[in-house]
Amino acid sequence: NPNHGKFIVLGYTVMMILVAAIAPKPVNWYLFCVYTGLAFMLGIFITQTMEVLMKSLKREQEQTRALRNSQRIIVDQQQALLASSKMSALGEMAGGVAHEINNPLAVIKSLTSQIQEVLGDEQLDKGLLKEMASDVEKTTNRIAKIVQGLRSFARDSGKDPHQVVNVQ
């Protein structure tokens, strides 16, 4: 409280007057005035010092609030940037996965169309059909490897039960 210094001076002055009034011997008024002047100067100094300290404290509190607000904004922006980065990476990965799976699917579709054409011919070439069926099997195995790679990327799938699948 900036008025604290004023109260100190007032209290000291009242105390000096009371001491002077009840003192048994005569009071040296010169010393009394000197001490009273010193008390007033001390009170003014304390009051001004307290005012400067209070202003400084308020300024520090405002700066601390502004700094905390800035830190909160920075953290929010970092979290948004991280989420955006994750979504971007996920989008790129999804595009890559779609491309890697679409290529083998296109091969399978082409081979099944060819198989249907060969089956429609009067002269059935079993060797060609076996080769086409083998290509379909290789292509489905490629897709299975892609999916297995995605599973191992997403989680530890080492403990998953494995099944043998016959595509013939």
C-alpha atoms as a PDB file:
ATOM      1  CA  ASN A   1       0.000   0.000   0.000  1.00  0.00           C
ATOM      2  CA  PRO A   2       1.615   3.312  -1.060  1.00  0.00           C
ATOM      3  CA  ASN A   3       0.045   5.141   1.904  1.00  0.00           C
ATOM      4  CA  HIS A   4       2.034   2.952   4.282  1.00  0.00           C
ATOM      5  CA  GLY A   5       4.956   5.433   4.283  1.00  0.00           C
ATOM      6  CA  LYS A   6       2.636   8.310   5.142  1.00  0.00           C
ATOM      7  CA  PHE A   7       1.274   6.390   8.112  1.00  0.00           C
ATOM      8  CA  ILE A   8       4.805   5.681   9.308  1.00  0.00           C
ATOM      9  CA  VAL A   9       5.670   9.395   9.214  1.00  0.00           C
ATOM     10  CA  LEU A  10       2.436  10.358  10.960  1.00  0.00           C
ATOM     11  CA  GLY A  11       2.932   7.729  13.655  1.00  0.00           C
ATOM     12  CA  TYR A  12       6.554   8.724  14.211  1.00  0.00           C
ATOM     13  CA  THR A  13       5.613  12.434  14.422  1.00  0.00           C
ATOM     14  CA  VAL A  14       2.804  11.769  16.917  1.00  0.00           C
ATOM     15  CA  MET A  15       5.153   9.642  18.988  1.00  0.00           C
ATOM     16  CA  MET A  16       7.780  12.407  19.023  1.00  0.00           C
ATOM     17  CA  ILE A  17       5.212  15.032  20.060  1.00  0.00           C
ATOM     18  CA  LEU A  18       3.939  12.792  22.870  1.00  0.00           C
ATOM     19  CA  VAL A  19       7.472  12.135  24.098  1.00  0.00           C
ATOM     20  CA  ALA A  20       8.234  15.860  23.968  1.00  0.00           C
ATOM     21  CA  ALA A  21       5.005  16.689  25.852  1.00  0.00           C
ATOM     22  CA  ILE A  22       5.572  14.247  28.698  1.00  0.00           C
ATOM     23  CA  ALA A  23       9.362  14.554  28.928  1.00  0.00           C
ATOM     24  CA  PRO A  24      10.508  15.650  32.436  1.00  0.00           C
ATOM     25  CA  LYS A  25      13.350  17.810  31.140  1.00  0.00           C
ATOM     26  CA  PRO A  26      13.126  20.525  28.545  1.00  0.00           C
ATOM     27  CA  VAL A  27      13.001  19.361  24.904  1.00  0.00           C
ATOM     28  CA  ASN A  28      15.671  20.382  22.458  1.00  0.00           C
ATOM     29  CA  TRP A  29      13.367  21.733  19.752  1.00  0.00           C
ATOM     30  CA  TYR A  30      16.184  21.908  17.259  1.00  0.00           C
ATOM     31  CA  LEU A  31      16.759  18.144  17.436  1.00  0.00           C
ATOM     32  CA  PHE A  32      13.015  17.604  17.499  1.00  0.00           C
ATOM     33  CA  CYS A  33      12.637  19.498  14.201  1.00  0.00           C
ATOM     34  CA  VAL A  34      15.602  17.648  12.668  1.00  0.00           C
ATOM     35  CA  TYR A  35      14.175  14.246  13.605  1.00  0.00           C
ATOM     36  CA  THR A  36      10.709  15.254  12.419  1.00  0.00           C
ATOM     37  CA  GLY A  37      12.167  16.418   9.066  1.00  0.00           C
ATOM     38  CA  LEU A  38      14.074  13.167   8.734  1.00  0.00           C
ATOM     39  CA  ALA A  39      10.886  11.227   9.482  1.00  0.00           C
ATOM     40  CA  PHE A  40       9.000  13.177   6.801  1.00  0.00           C
ATOM     41  CA  MET A  41      11.761  12.573   4.240  1.00  0.00           C
ATOM     42  CA  LEU A  42      11.872   8.885   5.142  1.00  0.00           C
ATOM     43  CA  GLY A  43       8.091   8.655   4.746  1.00  0.00           C
ATOM     44  CA  ILE A  44       8.201  10.374   1.356  1.00  0.00           C
ATOM     45  CA  PHE A  45      11.010   8.052   0.241  1.00  0.00           C
ATOM     46  CA  ILE A  46       9.119   4.954   1.408  1.00  0.00           C
ATOM     47  CA  THR A  47       5.911   6.160  -0.285  1.00  0.00           C
ATOM     48  CA  GLN A  48       7.637   6.870  -3.605  1.00  0.00           C
ATOM     49  CA  THR A  49       9.551   3.597  -3.482  1.00  0.00           C
ATOM     50  CA  MET A  50       6.362   1.661  -2.823  1.00  0.00           C
ATOM     51  CA  GLU A  51       4.602   3.399  -5.724  1.00  0.00           C
ATOM     52  CA  VAL A  52       7.465   2.478  -8.068  1.00  0.00           C
ATOM     53  CA  LEU A  53       7.431  -1.108  -6.808  1.00  0.00           C
ATOM     54  CA  MET A  54       3.642  -1.390  -7.237  1.00  0.00           C
ATOM     55  CA  LYS A  55       3.857  -0.087 -10.830  1.00  0.00           C
ATOM     56  CA  SER A  56       6.680  -2.504 -11.540  1.00  0.00           C
ATOM     57  CA  LEU A  57       4.702  -5.389 -10.029  1.00  0.00           C
ATOM     58  CA  LYS A  58       1.629  -4.556 -12.119  1.00  0.00           C
ATOM     59  CA  ARG A  59       3.760  -4.342 -15.272  1.00  0.00           C
ATOM     60  CA  GLU A  60       5.354  -7.724 -14.468  1.00  0.00           C
ATOM     61  CA  GLN A  61       1.927  -9.293 -13.888  1.00  0.00           C
ATOM     62  CA  GLU A  62       0.654  -7.939 -17.228  1.00  0.00           C
ATOM     63  CA  GLN A  63       3.742  -9.246 -19.013  1.00  0.00           C
ATOM     64  CA  THR A  64       3.326 -12.640 -17.341  1.00  0.00           C
ATOM     65  CA  ARG A  65      -0.323 -12.801 -18.470  1.00  0.00           C
ATOM     66  CA  ALA A  66       0.662 -11.847 -22.011  1.00  0.00           C
ATOM     67  CA  LEU A  67       3.441 -14.441 -22.022  1.00  0.00           C
ATOM     68  CA  ARG A  68       1.119 -17.200 -20.788  1.00  0.00           C
ATOM     69  CA  ASN A  69      -1.435 -16.247 -23.418  1.00  0.00           C
ATOM     70  CA  SER A  70       1.269 -16.360 -26.110  1.00  0.00           C
ATOM     71  CA  GLN A  71       2.458 -19.741 -24.861  1.00  0.00           C
ATOM     72  CA  ARG A  72      -1.106 -21.080 -24.976  1.00  0.00           C
ATOM     73  CA  ILE A  73      -1.487 -19.815 -28.565  1.00  0.00           C
ATOM     74  CA  ILE A  74       1.839 -21.410 -29.558  1.00  0.00           C
ATOM     75  CA  VAL A  75       0.854 -24.769 -28.035  1.00  0.00           C
ATOM     76  CA  ASP A  76      -2.515 -24.658 -29.826  1.00  0.00           C
ATOM     77  CA  GLN A  77      -0.807 -23.849 -33.127  1.00  0.00           C
ATOM     78  CA  GLN A  78       1.737 -26.639 -32.622  1.00  0.00           C
ATOM     79  CA  GLN A  79      -1.051 -29.134 -31.975  1.00  0.00           C
ATOM     80  CA  ALA A  80      -2.941 -27.962 -35.062  1.00  0.00           C
ATOM     81  CA  LEU A  81       0.221 -28.223 -37.154  1.00  0.00           C
ATOM     82  CA  LEU A  82       0.908 -31.717 -35.839  1.00  0.00           C
ATOM     83  CA  ALA A  83      -2.649 -32.831 -36.618  1.00  0.00           C
ATOM     84  CA  SER A  84      -2.402 -31.308 -40.098  1.00  0.00           C
ATOM     85  CA  SER A  85       0.921 -33.039 -40.674  1.00  0.00           C
ATOM     86  CA  LYS A  86      -0.529 -36.382 -39.580  1.00  0.00           C
ATOM     87  CA  MET A  87      -3.523 -35.961 -41.872  1.00  0.00           C
ATOM     88  CA  SER A  88      -1.243 -35.068 -44.772  1.00  0.00           C
ATOM     89  CA  ALA A  89       0.923 -38.135 -44.176  1.00  0.00           C
ATOM     90  CA  LEU A  90      -2.159 -40.307 -43.848  1.00  0.00           C
ATOM     91  CA  GLY A  91      -3.544 -38.917 -47.116  1.00  0.00           C
ATOM     92  CA  GLU A  92      -0.282 -39.628 -48.936  1.00  0.00           C
ATOM     93  CA  MET A  93      -0.157 -43.120 -47.484  1.00  0.00           C
ATOM     94  CA  ALA A  94      -3.777 -43.805 -48.459  1.00  0.00           C
ATOM     95  CA  GLY A  95      -3.052 -42.648 -52.022  1.00  0.00           C
ATOM     96  CA  GLY A  96       0.004 -44.907 -52.204  1.00  0.00           C
ATOM     97  CA  VAL A  97      -1.927 -47.884 -50.831  1.00  0.00           C
ATOM     98  CA  ALA A  98      -4.789 -47.307 -53.272  1.00  0.00           C
ATOM     99  CA  HIS A  99      -2.297 -47.180 -56.148  1.00  0.00           C
ATOM    100  CA  GLU A 100      -0.489 -50.321 -54.995  1.00  0.00           C
ATOM    101  CA  ILE A 101      -3.733 -52.277 -54.684  1.00  0.00           C
ATOM    102  CA  ASN A 102      -5.371 -50.904 -57.864  1.00  0.00           C
ATOM    103  CA  ASN A 103      -2.510 -52.072 -60.084  1.00  0.00           C
ATOM    104  CA  PRO A 104      -2.835 -55.778 -59.135  1.00  0.00           C
ATOM    105  CA  LEU A 105      -6.628 -55.512 -59.296  1.00  0.00           C
ATOM    106  CA  ALA A 106      -6.367 -54.192 -62.847  1.00  0.00           C
ATOM    107  CA  VAL A 107      -4.149 -57.170 -63.730  1.00  0.00           C
ATOM    108  CA  ILE A 108      -6.677 -59.593 -62.199  1.00  0.00           C
ATOM    109  CA  LYS A 109      -9.553 -57.938 -64.057  1.00  0.00           C
ATOM    110  CA  SER A 110      -7.672 -58.135 -67.350  1.00  0.00           C
ATOM    111  CA  LEU A 111      -6.734 -61.775 -66.789  1.00  0.00           C
ATOM    112  CA  THR A 112     -10.292 -62.788 -65.863  1.00  0.00           C
ATOM    113  CA  SER A 113     -11.568 -61.135 -69.058  1.00  0.00           C
ATOM    114  CA  GLN A 114      -8.979 -63.054 -71.061  1.00  0.00           C
ATOM    115  CA  ILE A 115      -9.884 -66.298 -69.280  1.00  0.00           C
ATOM    116  CA  GLN A 116     -13.529 -65.753 -70.197  1.00  0.00           C
ATOM    117  CA  GLU A 117     -12.551 -65.226 -73.834  1.00  0.00           C
ATOM    118  CA  VAL A 118     -10.434 -68.391 -73.850  1.00  0.00           C
ATOM    119  CA  LEU A 119     -13.292 -70.340 -72.259  1.00  0.00           C
ATOM    120  CA  GLY A 120     -15.584 -69.088 -75.045  1.00  0.00           C
ATOM    121  CA  ASP A 121     -13.249 -70.431 -77.767  1.00  0.00           C
ATOM    122  CA  GLU A 122     -13.995 -73.837 -79.266  1.00  0.00           C
ATOM    123  CA  GLN A 123     -10.402 -74.876 -78.921  1.00  0.00           C
ATOM    124  CA  LEU A 124      -9.609 -74.672 -75.242  1.00  0.00           C
ATOM    125  CA  ASP A 125      -5.906 -74.071 -74.529  1.00  0.00           C
ATOM    126  CA  LYS A 126      -5.417 -75.524 -71.024  1.00  0.00           C
ATOM    127  CA  GLY A 127      -1.780 -74.412 -70.872  1.00  0.00           C
ATOM    128  CA  LEU A 128      -2.768 -70.807 -71.496  1.00  0.00           C
ATOM    129  CA  LEU A 129      -5.536 -71.069 -68.880  1.00  0.00           C
ATOM    130  CA  LYS A 130      -3.093 -72.509 -66.315  1.00  0.00           C
ATOM    131  CA  GLU A 131      -0.648 -69.688 -67.010  1.00  0.00           C
ATOM    132  CA  MET A 132      -3.419 -67.076 -66.614  1.00  0.00           C
ATOM    133  CA  ALA A 133      -4.635 -68.700 -63.380  1.00  0.00           C
ATOM    134  CA  SER A 134      -1.047 -68.690 -62.093  1.00  0.00           C
ATOM    135  CA  ASP A 135      -0.775 -64.975 -62.928  1.00  0.00           C
ATOM    136  CA  VAL A 136      -4.021 -64.314 -61.024  1.00  0.00           C
ATOM    137  CA  GLU A 137      -2.637 -66.233 -58.030  1.00  0.00           C
ATOM    138  CA  LYS A 138       0.652 -64.268 -58.097  1.00  0.00           C
ATOM    139  CA  THR A 139      -1.255 -61.009 -58.301  1.00  0.00           C
ATOM    140  CA  THR A 140      -3.532 -61.898 -55.362  1.00  0.00           C
ATOM    141  CA  ASN A 141      -0.420 -62.861 -53.394  1.00  0.00           C
ATOM    142  CA  ARG A 142       0.982 -59.407 -54.160  1.00  0.00           C
ATOM    143  CA  ILE A 143      -2.185 -57.790 -52.783  1.00  0.00           C
ATOM    144  CA  ALA A 144      -1.979 -60.034 -49.700  1.00  0.00           C
ATOM    145  CA  LYS A 145       1.618 -58.891 -49.101  1.00  0.00           C
ATOM    146  CA  ILE A 146       0.545 -55.245 -49.364  1.00  0.00           C
ATOM    147  CA  VAL A 147      -2.259 -55.790 -46.844  1.00  0.00           C
ATOM    148  CA  GLN A 148       0.073 -57.767 -44.548  1.00  0.00           C
ATOM    149  CA  GLY A 149       2.590 -54.917 -44.686  1.00  0.00           C
ATOM    150  CA  LEU A 150      -0.152 -52.462 -43.720  1.00  0.00           C
ATOM    151  CA  ARG A 151      -1.152 -54.662 -40.801  1.00  0.00           C
ATOM    152  CA  SER A 152       2.397 -54.883 -39.506  1.00  0.00           C
ATOM    153  CA  PHE A 153       2.720 -51.107 -39.877  1.00  0.00           C
ATOM    154  CA  ALA A 154      -0.494 -50.494 -37.949  1.00  0.00           C
ATOM    155  CA  ARG A 155       0.144 -52.973 -35.116  1.00  0.00           C
ATOM    156  CA  ASP A 156       2.090 -56.024 -34.073  1.00  0.00           C
ATOM    157  CA  SER A 157       0.340 -58.809 -35.947  1.00  0.00           C
ATOM    158  CA  GLY A 158       2.881 -61.525 -35.140  1.00  0.00           C
ATOM    159  CA  LYS A 159       0.471 -63.262 -32.784  1.00  0.00           C
ATOM    160  CA  ASP A 160      -2.402 -63.321 -35.287  1.00  0.00           C
ATOM    161  CA  PRO A 161      -3.457 -66.778 -36.500  1.00  0.00           C
ATOM    162  CA  HIS A 162      -2.444 -67.471 -40.107  1.00  0.00           C
ATOM    163  CA  GLN A 163      -4.713 -69.178 -42.598  1.00  0.00           C
ATOM    164  CA  VAL A 164      -3.745 -70.888 -45.807  1.00  0.00           C
ATOM    165  CA  VAL A 165      -6.035 -69.776 -48.618  1.00  0.00           C
ATOM    166  CA  ASN A 166      -6.395 -71.676 -51.857  1.00  0.00           C
ATOM    167  CA  VAL A 167      -7.467 -69.416 -54.755  1.00  0.00           C
ATOM    168  CA  GLN A 168      -7.978 -72.217 -57.307  1.00  0.00           C
END
